C-alpha atoms as a PDB file:
ATOM      1  CA  MET A   1     -19.909  -1.270   8.672  1.00  0.00           C
ATOM      2  CA  SER A   2     -18.951  -4.646   7.257  1.00  0.00           C
ATOM      3  CA  ILE A   3     -16.020  -6.941   7.972  1.00  0.00           C
ATOM      4  CA  LEU A   4     -14.640  -9.356   5.385  1.00  0.00           C
ATOM      5  CA  LEU A   5     -11.799 -11.640   6.474  1.00  0.00           C
ATOM      6  CA  GLU A   6     -12.025 -14.528   4.008  1.00  0.00           C
ATOM      7  CA  THR A   7     -13.449 -14.711   0.502  1.00  0.00           C
ATOM      8  CA  ASN A   8     -13.315 -18.373  -0.633  1.00  0.00           C
ATOM      9  CA  LEU A   9     -14.858 -17.588  -4.008  1.00  0.00           C
ATOM     10  CA  PRO A  10     -15.821 -20.190  -6.632  1.00  0.00           C
ATOM     11  CA  LEU A  11     -12.754 -19.103  -8.620  1.00  0.00           C
ATOM     12  CA  SER A  12      -9.201 -20.344  -8.983  1.00  0.00           C
ATOM     13  CA  LEU A  13      -7.116 -18.861  -6.165  1.00  0.00           C
ATOM     14  CA  PHE A  14      -3.965 -17.245  -7.576  1.00  0.00           C
ATOM     15  CA  ARG A  15      -2.450 -15.970  -4.341  1.00  0.00           C
ATOM     16  CA  ARG A  16      -3.515 -15.142  -0.809  1.00  0.00           C
ATOM     17  CA  GLY A  17      -1.558 -12.398   0.914  1.00  0.00           C
ATOM     18  CA  LYS A  18      -1.813 -10.841   4.338  1.00  0.00           C
ATOM     19  CA  VAL A  19      -4.620  -8.555   3.172  1.00  0.00           C
ATOM     20  CA  ARG A  20      -5.498  -9.380  -0.443  1.00  0.00           C
ATOM     21  CA  ASP A  21      -6.988 -12.475  -2.020  1.00  0.00           C
ATOM     22  CA  VAL A  22      -6.166 -12.742  -5.726  1.00  0.00           C
ATOM     23  CA  TYR A  23      -8.115 -14.970  -8.143  1.00  0.00           C
ATOM     24  CA  ASP A  24      -7.110 -16.168 -11.596  1.00  0.00           C
ATOM     25  CA  LEU A  25      -9.380 -15.316 -14.541  1.00  0.00           C
ATOM     26  CA  GLY A  26      -7.112 -16.343 -17.400  1.00  0.00           C
ATOM     27  CA  ASP A  27      -5.312 -13.255 -18.678  1.00  0.00           C
ATOM     28  CA  ARG A  28      -6.794 -11.232 -15.824  1.00  0.00           C
ATOM     29  CA  LEU A  29      -6.827 -11.265 -12.053  1.00  0.00           C
ATOM     30  CA  LEU A  30      -9.516 -10.370  -9.539  1.00  0.00           C
ATOM     31  CA  ILE A  31      -7.942  -8.628  -6.540  1.00  0.00           C
ATOM     32  CA  VAL A  32     -10.081  -8.566  -3.399  1.00  0.00           C
ATOM     33  CA  SER A  33      -9.006  -6.334  -0.521  1.00  0.00           C
ATOM     34  CA  THR A  34     -10.197  -7.894   2.732  1.00  0.00           C
ATOM     35  CA  ASP A  35     -10.419  -6.281   6.154  1.00  0.00           C
ATOM     36  CA  ARG A  36      -7.572  -8.422   7.480  1.00  0.00           C
ATOM     37  CA  ILE A  37      -4.848  -6.564   9.301  1.00  0.00           C
ATOM     38  CA  SER A  38      -1.312  -7.596  10.161  1.00  0.00           C
ATOM     39  CA  ALA A  39       1.215  -6.146  12.558  1.00  0.00           C
ATOM     40  CA  PHE A  40       4.818  -7.181  13.094  1.00  0.00           C
ATOM     41  CA  ASP A  41       4.365  -9.653  10.203  1.00  0.00           C
ATOM     42  CA  VAL A  42       1.524 -11.514  11.983  1.00  0.00           C
ATOM     43  CA  ILE A  43      -2.108 -11.534  10.810  1.00  0.00           C
ATOM     44  CA  LEU A  44      -4.453 -10.595  13.633  1.00  0.00           C
ATOM     45  CA  PRO A  45      -7.573 -12.650  14.485  1.00  0.00           C
ATOM     46  CA  CYS A  46      -9.868  -9.652  13.940  1.00  0.00           C
ATOM     47  CA  GLY A  47     -10.453  -7.332  11.030  1.00  0.00           C
ATOM     48  CA  ILE A  48     -10.770  -3.563  10.710  1.00  0.00           C
ATOM     49  CA  PRO A  49     -14.208  -2.571   9.359  1.00  0.00           C
ATOM     50  CA  ASP A  50     -14.064  -0.996   5.880  1.00  0.00           C
ATOM     51  CA  LYS A  51     -10.265  -1.256   5.696  1.00  0.00           C
ATOM     52  CA  GLY A  52     -10.417  -3.306   2.491  1.00  0.00           C
ATOM     53  CA  LYS A  53     -12.802  -0.846   0.868  1.00  0.00           C
ATOM     54  CA  VAL A  54     -10.475   2.034   1.693  1.00  0.00           C
ATOM     55  CA  LEU A  55      -7.450   0.229   0.257  1.00  0.00           C
ATOM     56  CA  ASN A  56      -9.294  -0.730  -2.915  1.00  0.00           C
ATOM     57  CA  GLN A  57     -11.073   2.554  -3.580  1.00  0.00           C
ATOM     58  CA  LEU A  58      -8.121   4.755  -2.654  1.00  0.00           C
ATOM     59  CA  SER A  59      -5.856   2.713  -4.942  1.00  0.00           C
ATOM     60  CA  ALA A  60      -8.422   3.080  -7.728  1.00  0.00           C
ATOM     61  CA  PHE A  61      -8.522   6.844  -7.120  1.00  0.00           C
ATOM     62  CA  TRP A  62      -4.738   7.166  -7.408  1.00  0.00           C
ATOM     63  CA  PHE A  63      -4.428   4.793 -10.370  1.00  0.00           C
ATOM     64  CA  GLU A  64      -6.835   7.001 -12.301  1.00  0.00           C
ATOM     65  CA  LYS A  65      -5.201  10.214 -11.119  1.00  0.00           C
ATOM     66  CA  THR A  66      -1.643   9.164 -12.062  1.00  0.00           C
ATOM     67  CA  ALA A  67      -2.397   7.425 -15.364  1.00  0.00           C
ATOM     68  CA  HIS A  68      -0.939  10.389 -17.258  1.00  0.00           C
ATOM     69  CA  ILE A  69       2.444   9.625 -15.677  1.00  0.00           C
ATOM     70  CA  LEU A  70       2.394   5.850 -16.132  1.00  0.00           C
ATOM     71  CA  SER A  71      -0.221   3.310 -17.142  1.00  0.00           C
ATOM     72  CA  ASN A  72      -1.413   0.743 -14.617  1.00  0.00           C
ATOM     73  CA  HIS A  73      -2.924  -2.719 -14.502  1.00  0.00           C
ATOM     74  CA  VAL A  74      -6.527  -1.718 -13.686  1.00  0.00           C
ATOM     75  CA  ILE A  75      -9.205  -2.900 -16.113  1.00  0.00           C
ATOM     76  CA  LYS A  76     -12.317  -2.282 -14.021  1.00  0.00           C
ATOM     77  CA  VAL A  77     -13.145  -1.418 -10.456  1.00  0.00           C
ATOM     78  CA  ILE A  78     -15.954  -3.606  -9.124  1.00  0.00           C
ATOM     79  CA  ASP A  79     -18.223  -0.768  -8.013  1.00  0.00           C
ATOM     80  CA  SER A  80     -21.683  -2.130  -8.871  1.00  0.00           C
ATOM     81  CA  SER A  81     -23.663  -5.352  -9.287  1.00  0.00           C
ATOM     82  CA  VAL A  82     -23.556  -4.824 -13.066  1.00  0.00           C
ATOM     83  CA  VAL A  83     -19.748  -4.923 -13.116  1.00  0.00           C
ATOM     84  CA  LEU A  84     -19.781  -7.845 -10.680  1.00  0.00           C
ATOM     85  CA  ASN A  85     -21.928  -9.833 -13.113  1.00  0.00           C
ATOM     86  CA  GLU A  86     -19.492  -9.009 -15.927  1.00  0.00           C
ATOM     87  CA  VAL A  87     -16.697 -10.518 -13.845  1.00  0.00           C
ATOM     88  CA  LYS A  88     -18.810 -13.589 -13.099  1.00  0.00           C
ATOM     89  CA  ASN A  89     -19.229 -14.169 -16.830  1.00  0.00           C
ATOM     90  CA  LEU A  90     -15.439 -14.258 -17.261  1.00  0.00           C
ATOM     91  CA  SER A  91     -15.150 -17.290 -15.024  1.00  0.00           C
ATOM     92  CA  SER A  92     -15.321 -20.829 -16.347  1.00  0.00           C
ATOM     93  CA  GLN A  93     -16.386 -22.046 -12.908  1.00  0.00           C
ATOM     94  CA  PRO A  94     -20.059 -21.867 -11.892  1.00  0.00           C
ATOM     95  CA  GLY A  95     -21.065 -20.106  -8.697  1.00  0.00           C
ATOM     96  CA  GLU A  96     -22.317 -16.821  -7.367  1.00  0.00           C
ATOM     97  CA  LEU A  97     -20.026 -13.941  -6.535  1.00  0.00           C
ATOM     98  CA  PRO A  98     -21.169 -12.217  -3.330  1.00  0.00           C
ATOM     99  CA  ASP A  99     -22.192  -8.561  -3.231  1.00  0.00           C
ATOM    100  CA  SER A 100     -19.515  -8.068  -0.563  1.00  0.00           C
ATOM    101  CA  LEU A 101     -16.989  -7.806  -3.431  1.00  0.00           C
ATOM    102  CA  ILE A 102     -18.539  -4.504  -4.541  1.00  0.00           C
ATOM    103  CA  GLY A 103     -16.347  -1.615  -3.494  1.00  0.00           C
ATOM    104  CA  ARG A 104     -13.462  -3.788  -2.347  1.00  0.00           C
ATOM    105  CA  SER A 105     -12.240  -5.491  -5.515  1.00  0.00           C
ATOM    106  CA  MET A 106     -10.880  -4.728  -8.957  1.00  0.00           C
ATOM    107  CA  LEU A 107     -10.232  -6.574 -12.186  1.00  0.00           C
ATOM    108  CA  VAL A 108      -6.657  -6.130 -13.392  1.00  0.00           C
ATOM    109  CA  ALA A 109      -4.459  -7.321 -16.223  1.00  0.00           C
ATOM    110  CA  LYS A 110      -1.888  -9.956 -15.389  1.00  0.00           C
ATOM    111  CA  ALA A 111       1.597  -8.528 -15.142  1.00  0.00           C
ATOM    112  CA  GLU A 112       5.104  -9.852 -14.702  1.00  0.00           C
ATOM    113  CA  ARG A 113       5.968  -8.389 -11.315  1.00  0.00           C
ATOM    114  CA  ILE A 114       9.334  -6.719 -10.795  1.00  0.00           C
ATOM    115  CA  PRO A 115      10.509  -8.032  -7.378  1.00  0.00           C
ATOM    116  CA  VAL A 116      11.479  -4.620  -6.014  1.00  0.00           C
ATOM    117  CA  GLU A 117       9.789  -2.263  -3.554  1.00  0.00           C
ATOM    118  CA  CYS A 118      10.302   1.203  -5.011  1.00  0.00           C
ATOM    119  CA  VAL A 119      10.429   3.305  -1.857  1.00  0.00           C
ATOM    120  CA  VAL A 120      10.350   7.109  -2.042  1.00  0.00           C
ATOM    121  CA  ARG A 121      10.942   9.232   1.046  1.00  0.00           C
ATOM    122  CA  GLY A 122      10.155  12.916   1.353  1.00  0.00           C
ATOM    123  CA  TYR A 123      10.576  13.198   5.128  1.00  0.00           C
ATOM    124  CA  LEU A 124      12.939  11.753   7.719  1.00  0.00           C
ATOM    125  CA  SER A 125      10.798   9.304   9.636  1.00  0.00           C
ATOM    126  CA  GLY A 126      10.431   5.700  10.750  1.00  0.00           C
ATOM    127  CA  SER A 127      13.280   3.357   9.898  1.00  0.00           C
ATOM    128  CA  ALA A 128      14.933   6.125   7.864  1.00  0.00           C
ATOM    129  CA  TRP A 129      15.170   8.305  10.985  1.00  0.00           C
ATOM    130  CA  ALA A 130      16.673   5.411  12.965  1.00  0.00           C
ATOM    131  CA  GLU A 131      19.219   4.790  10.212  1.00  0.00           C
ATOM    132  CA  TYR A 132      20.102   8.469   9.920  1.00  0.00           C
ATOM    133  CA  LYS A 133      20.741   8.778  13.667  1.00  0.00           C
ATOM    134  CA  GLU A 134      23.162   5.851  13.459  1.00  0.00           C
ATOM    135  CA  THR A 135      24.913   6.492  10.149  1.00  0.00           C
ATOM    136  CA  GLY A 136      24.048   9.982   8.924  1.00  0.00           C
ATOM    137  CA  ARG A 137      22.598   8.557   5.753  1.00  0.00           C
ATOM    138  CA  ILE A 138      19.589   6.747   4.309  1.00  0.00           C
ATOM    139  CA  GLY A 139      20.606   3.763   2.250  1.00  0.00           C
ATOM    140  CA  HIS A 140      23.450   4.898   0.038  1.00  0.00           C
ATOM    141  CA  ILE A 141      22.553   8.593   0.336  1.00  0.00           C
ATOM    142  CA  ASP A 142      24.425  10.936   2.680  1.00  0.00           C
ATOM    143  CA  LEU A 143      22.278  13.574   4.372  1.00  0.00           C
ATOM    144  CA  PRO A 144      23.266  16.867   6.031  1.00  0.00           C
ATOM    145  CA  SER A 145      24.166  16.662   9.712  1.00  0.00           C
ATOM    146  CA  GLY A 146      21.846  18.059  12.359  1.00  0.00           C
ATOM    147  CA  MET A 147      18.555  17.024  10.779  1.00  0.00           C
ATOM    148  CA  LYS A 148      15.574  16.380  13.049  1.00  0.00           C
ATOM    149  CA  GLU A 149      12.978  13.641  13.149  1.00  0.00           C
ATOM    150  CA  SER A 150      10.122  14.174  10.660  1.00  0.00           C
ATOM    151  CA  GLN A 151      12.014  16.961   8.888  1.00  0.00           C
ATOM    152  CA  GLU A 152      11.293  17.386   5.191  1.00  0.00           C
ATOM    153  CA  LEU A 153      14.184  16.395   2.940  1.00  0.00           C
ATOM    154  CA  SER A 154      15.559  18.979   0.514  1.00  0.00           C
ATOM    155  CA  GLN A 155      14.292  16.696  -2.236  1.00  0.00           C
ATOM    156  CA  PRO A 156      12.640  13.259  -2.239  1.00  0.00           C
ATOM    157  CA  ILE A 157      15.009  10.286  -2.323  1.00  0.00           C
ATOM    158  CA  PHE A 158      14.655   6.850  -3.902  1.00  0.00           C
ATOM    159  CA  THR A 159      15.624   3.952  -1.625  1.00  0.00           C
ATOM    160  CA  PRO A 160      14.435   0.728  -3.304  1.00  0.00           C
ATOM    161  CA  THR A 161      14.458  -2.571  -1.453  1.00  0.00           C
ATOM    162  CA  THR A 162      14.202  -6.219  -2.350  1.00  0.00           C
ATOM    163  CA  LYS A 163      10.783  -7.853  -2.226  1.00  0.00           C
ATOM    164  CA  SER A 164      10.821 -11.474  -1.172  1.00  0.00           C
ATOM    165  CA  ASP A 165       8.348 -13.979   0.218  1.00  0.00           C
ATOM    166  CA  THR A 166      11.124 -15.779   2.098  1.00  0.00           C
ATOM    167  CA  GLU A 167      13.283 -13.041   3.647  1.00  0.00           C
ATOM    168  CA  HIS A 168      12.967  -9.559   5.103  1.00  0.00           C
ATOM    169  CA  ASP A 169      13.232  -6.736   2.600  1.00  0.00           C
ATOM    170  CA  ARG A 170      16.670  -5.118   2.437  1.00  0.00           C
ATOM    171  CA  LEU A 171      18.258  -2.252   0.569  1.00  0.00           C
ATOM    172  CA  LEU A 172      18.715  -3.008  -3.114  1.00  0.00           C
ATOM    173  CA  THR A 173      22.363  -3.298  -4.173  1.00  0.00           C
ATOM    174  CA  ASN A 174      24.051  -2.922  -7.550  1.00  0.00           C
ATOM    175  CA  LYS A 175      24.501  -6.692  -7.541  1.00  0.00           C
ATOM    176  CA  ASP A 176      20.752  -7.160  -7.003  1.00  0.00           C
ATOM    177  CA  ILE A 177      20.021  -4.850  -9.929  1.00  0.00           C
ATOM    178  CA  LYS A 178      22.304  -6.910 -12.138  1.00  0.00           C
ATOM    179  CA  ASP A 179      21.090 -10.288 -10.857  1.00  0.00           C
ATOM    180  CA  LEU A 180      17.467  -9.253 -11.421  1.00  0.00           C
ATOM    181  CA  GLY A 181      18.239  -8.033 -14.941  1.00  0.00           C
ATOM    182  CA  LEU A 182      17.101  -4.500 -14.157  1.00  0.00           C
ATOM    183  CA  GLU A 183      20.055  -2.526 -15.556  1.00  0.00           C
ATOM    184  CA  ASP A 184      18.043  -1.243 -18.537  1.00  0.00           C
ATOM    185  CA  ILE A 185      14.892  -0.389 -16.574  1.00  0.00           C
ATOM    186  CA  PHE A 186      16.229   0.738 -13.196  1.00  0.00           C
ATOM    187  CA  GLU A 187      16.580   4.425 -14.051  1.00  0.00           C
ATOM    188  CA  GLU A 188      13.014   4.494 -15.377  1.00  0.00           C
ATOM    189  CA  LEU A 189      11.749   2.879 -12.168  1.00  0.00           C
ATOM    190  CA  LYS A 190      13.503   5.603 -10.203  1.00  0.00           C
ATOM    191  CA  GLN A 191      12.240   8.485 -12.333  1.00  0.00           C
ATOM    192  CA  LYS A 192       8.638   7.232 -12.475  1.00  0.00           C
ATOM    193  CA  SER A 193       8.636   6.640  -8.719  1.00  0.00           C
ATOM    194  CA  LEU A 194       9.853  10.165  -8.029  1.00  0.00           C
ATOM    195  CA  LEU A 195       7.410  11.689 -10.515  1.00  0.00           C
ATOM    196  CA  ILE A 196       4.402   9.851  -9.091  1.00  0.00           C
ATOM    197  CA  TYR A 197       5.395  10.673  -5.527  1.00  0.00           C
ATOM    198  CA  GLY A 198       5.918  14.337  -6.373  1.00  0.00           C
ATOM    199  CA  TYR A 199       2.555  14.585  -8.108  1.00  0.00           C
ATOM    200  CA  ALA A 200       0.712  12.817  -5.284  1.00  0.00           C
ATOM    201  CA  ARG A 201       2.545  14.802  -2.584  1.00  0.00           C
ATOM    202  CA  ASP A 202       1.570  18.119  -4.156  1.00  0.00           C
ATOM    203  CA  TYR A 203      -2.061  17.074  -4.617  1.00  0.00           C
ATOM    204  CA  ALA A 204      -2.336  15.679  -1.071  1.00  0.00           C
ATOM    205  CA  ARG A 205      -1.035  18.965   0.347  1.00  0.00           C
ATOM    206  CA  THR A 206      -4.081  20.704  -1.137  1.00  0.00           C
ATOM    207  CA  ARG A 207      -6.216  18.259   0.865  1.00  0.00           C
ATOM    208  CA  GLY A 208      -4.353  18.898   4.131  1.00  0.00           C
ATOM    209  CA  ILE A 209      -2.350  15.674   4.006  1.00  0.00           C
ATOM    210  CA  ILE A 210       1.421  15.153   3.987  1.00  0.00           C
ATOM    211  CA  ILE A 211       2.698  12.024   2.239  1.00  0.00           C
ATOM    212  CA  ALA A 212       5.899  11.433   4.183  1.00  0.00           C
ATOM    213  CA  ASP A 213       6.924   8.336   2.255  1.00  0.00           C
ATOM    214  CA  THR A 214       5.449   5.598   0.129  1.00  0.00           C
ATOM    215  CA  LYS A 215       6.317   2.515  -1.876  1.00  0.00           C
ATOM    216  CA  PHE A 216       5.362   1.509  -5.395  1.00  0.00           C
ATOM    217  CA  GLU A 217       5.309  -1.788  -7.238  1.00  0.00           C
ATOM    218  CA  PHE A 218       5.794  -2.149 -10.967  1.00  0.00           C
ATOM    219  CA  GLY A 219       5.413  -4.910 -13.501  1.00  0.00           C
ATOM    220  CA  PHE A 220       5.313  -5.541 -17.215  1.00  0.00           C
ATOM    221  CA  SER A 221       1.810  -5.738 -18.678  1.00  0.00           C
ATOM    222  CA  ASN A 222       1.611  -6.521 -22.395  1.00  0.00           C
ATOM    223  CA  GLY A 223       5.310  -5.765 -22.571  1.00  0.00           C
ATOM    224  CA  GLN A 224       4.919  -2.274 -21.104  1.00  0.00           C
ATOM    225  CA  LEU A 225       5.979  -0.974 -17.696  1.00  0.00           C
ATOM    226  CA  ALA A 226       2.945  -0.451 -15.476  1.00  0.00           C
ATOM    227  CA  LEU A 227       2.012   0.366 -11.892  1.00  0.00           C
ATOM    228  CA  ILE A 228       0.547  -2.649 -10.106  1.00  0.00           C
ATOM    229  CA  ASP A 229      -0.676  -3.890  -6.724  1.00  0.00           C
ATOM    230  CA  GLU A 230      -1.886  -1.020  -4.475  1.00  0.00           C
ATOM    231  CA  LEU A 231      -1.124   2.668  -4.756  1.00  0.00           C
ATOM    232  CA  LEU A 232      -0.734   5.383  -2.108  1.00  0.00           C
ATOM    233  CA  THR A 233      -2.852   3.749   0.588  1.00  0.00           C
ATOM    234  CA  PRO A 234      -2.447   3.874   4.388  1.00  0.00           C
ATOM    235  CA  ASP A 235      -0.854   0.413   4.158  1.00  0.00           C
ATOM    236  CA  SER A 236       1.807   1.509   1.667  1.00  0.00           C
ATOM    237  CA  SER A 237       2.304   5.150   2.671  1.00  0.00           C
ATOM    238  CA  ARG A 238       2.833   7.359   5.698  1.00  0.00           C
ATOM    239  CA  PHE A 239       0.093  10.016   5.791  1.00  0.00           C
ATOM    240  CA  TRP A 240       0.234  12.947   8.223  1.00  0.00           C
ATOM    241  CA  ASP A 241      -2.178  15.769   8.989  1.00  0.00           C
ATOM    242  CA  VAL A 242      -0.709  19.094   7.817  1.00  0.00           C
ATOM    243  CA  SER A 243      -2.356  20.943  10.728  1.00  0.00           C
ATOM    244  CA  GLN A 244      -0.639  18.711  13.320  1.00  0.00           C
ATOM    245  CA  TYR A 245       2.782  18.524  11.702  1.00  0.00           C
ATOM    246  CA  GLU A 246       5.722  19.531  13.906  1.00  0.00           C
ATOM    247  CA  VAL A 247       9.381  18.822  13.245  1.00  0.00           C
ATOM    248  CA  GLY A 248      11.329  17.127  16.003  1.00  0.00           C
ATOM    249  CA  HIS A 249       9.239  14.102  16.929  1.00  0.00           C
ATOM    250  CA  SER A 250       7.187  11.305  15.402  1.00  0.00           C
ATOM    251  CA  GLN A 251       3.854  12.274  13.841  1.00  0.00           C
ATOM    252  CA  PRO A 252       0.431  10.649  14.239  1.00  0.00           C
ATOM    253  CA  SER A 253      -0.306   8.727  11.035  1.00  0.00           C
ATOM    254  CA  PHE A 254      -3.511   7.760   9.245  1.00  0.00           C
ATOM    255  CA  ASP A 255      -2.745   4.054   9.435  1.00  0.00           C
ATOM    256  CA  LYS A 256      -2.692   1.116  11.836  1.00  0.00           C
ATOM    257  CA  GLN A 257      -0.554   2.892  14.434  1.00  0.00           C
ATOM    258  CA  PRO A 258      -3.225   2.429  17.168  1.00  0.00           C
ATOM    259  CA  VAL A 259      -2.935  -1.310  16.550  1.00  0.00           C
ATOM    260  CA  ARG A 260       0.860  -1.308  16.804  1.00  0.00           C
ATOM    261  CA  ASP A 261       0.759   0.855  19.920  1.00  0.00           C
ATOM    262  CA  TRP A 262      -1.751  -1.378  21.696  1.00  0.00           C
ATOM    263  CA  LEU A 263       0.067  -4.580  20.756  1.00  0.00           C
ATOM    264  CA  SER A 264       3.397  -3.164  21.918  1.00  0.00           C
ATOM    265  CA  ALA A 265       1.889  -2.190  25.270  1.00  0.00           C
ATOM    266  CA  SER A 266       0.049  -5.498  25.675  1.00  0.00           C
ATOM    267  CA  GLY A 267       3.159  -7.556  26.389  1.00  0.00           C
ATOM    268  CA  TRP A 268       2.609  -9.733  23.314  1.00  0.00           C
ATOM    269  CA  ASN A 269       5.883 -11.358  22.165  1.00  0.00           C
ATOM    270  CA  LYS A 270       5.157 -10.650  18.481  1.00  0.00           C
ATOM    271  CA  GLU A 271       4.916 -14.349  17.687  1.00  0.00           C
ATOM    272  CA  PRO A 272       1.731 -16.067  16.388  1.00  0.00           C
ATOM    273  CA  PRO A 273      -0.978 -16.148  17.500  1.00  0.00           C
ATOM    274  CA  ALA A 274      -1.685 -12.449  17.924  1.00  0.00           C
ATOM    275  CA  PRO A 275      -4.170 -11.338  20.604  1.00  0.00           C
ATOM    276  CA  MET A 276      -7.636 -10.006  19.866  1.00  0.00           C
ATOM    277  CA  LEU A 277      -7.831  -6.217  19.722  1.00  0.00           C
ATOM    278  CA  PRO A 278     -10.216  -4.318  22.015  1.00  0.00           C
ATOM    279  CA  PRO A 279     -13.285  -2.856  20.247  1.00  0.00           C
ATOM    280  CA  GLU A 280     -12.134   0.723  20.837  1.00  0.00           C
ATOM    281  CA  VAL A 281      -8.794   0.083  19.081  1.00  0.00           C
ATOM    282  CA  ILE A 282     -10.589  -1.528  16.137  1.00  0.00           C
ATOM    283  CA  GLU A 283     -12.975   1.432  15.828  1.00  0.00           C
ATOM    284  CA  ARG A 284     -10.228   4.035  16.193  1.00  0.00           C
ATOM    285  CA  THR A 285      -8.188   2.360  13.454  1.00  0.00           C
ATOM    286  CA  SER A 286     -11.182   2.034  11.138  1.00  0.00           C
ATOM    287  CA  LYS A 287     -11.947   5.723  11.649  1.00  0.00           C
ATOM    288  CA  ARG A 288      -8.389   6.664  10.603  1.00  0.00           C
ATOM    289  CA  TYR A 289      -8.638   4.684   7.365  1.00  0.00           C
ATOM    290  CA  ARG A 290     -12.016   6.177   6.490  1.00  0.00           C
ATOM    291  CA  GLU A 291     -10.918   9.718   7.348  1.00  0.00           C
ATOM    292  CA  VAL A 292      -7.831   9.736   5.138  1.00  0.00           C
ATOM    293  CA  TYR A 293      -9.884   8.324   2.261  1.00  0.00           C
ATOM    294  CA  SER A 294     -12.424  11.139   2.565  1.00  0.00           C
ATOM    295  CA  ARG A 295      -9.743  13.792   3.050  1.00  0.00           C
ATOM    296  CA  LEU A 296      -7.827  12.753  -0.057  1.00  0.00           C
ATOM    297  CA  THR A 297     -10.718  11.997  -2.409  1.00  0.00           C
ATOM    298  CA  GLY A 298     -13.405  14.403  -1.177  1.00  0.00           C
ATOM    299  CA  ARG A 299     -15.802  11.447  -1.241  1.00  0.00           C
ATOM    300  CA  VAL A 300     -17.735   9.459   1.312  1.00  0.00           C
ATOM    301  CA  LEU A 301     -16.653   5.813   1.320  1.00  0.00           C
ATOM    302  CA  SER A 302     -19.182   3.780  -0.668  1.00  0.00           C
END
């Protein structure tokens, strides 16, 4: 297994996020999914082996699978040295691109990002469960009384939030929709989000996976609405094992929950710097990412 924390390519850096490094290639972007991992909004000093490959290849799988519902920004997935050389030829800057990009990067069209996290929930879990216990609702939506933790909702609900680099995400308001100029597109964002979630939820069920909730990002590419960023990965979605599902308590997820659990028990104050994870926590987390990829795609991670 490989670990990639930094890329530092001979390309123009467009943006560096908690996990992804994005490089500018004119009218296109190269998105590289590293093995970095964050918890409680802090990037940890260690990576999770193969995490970036899972995020990249699972996103590519879903982008292809949902293209009949809405187009997306993917041009090519960097899955071979041949494609890697094609990307190298797009750059005006000399320098080799390492083979480590294969399997963990994709070439995408530039898009004007819509600064909204389009959250869809199919089950009562996480922050939604905490909110329901306190208010009896999720966002602006009233729910029946007496529901239990992890219970499936009668129908999926759309609870979009703001997306900001300077403040914590919060529930989107009518004023936000107006201020962001989304009045004409908001209903389409809602309908596409619900359609994509419903399609993915039904498919995942056939693979023994429950998608409890997820979040989508959209943008305008060549003037058309498109799915962007990542899609239905363990970092953007809550995946549960159908065979272990029980209403009434929290469910084990195919994500970085072992990391959160260990950090919470470690006494760390959730301020930088984060402590180094023990090898067994790193391996257990990596195994979860790889397992959900194989379960959903029927493939062995390349």
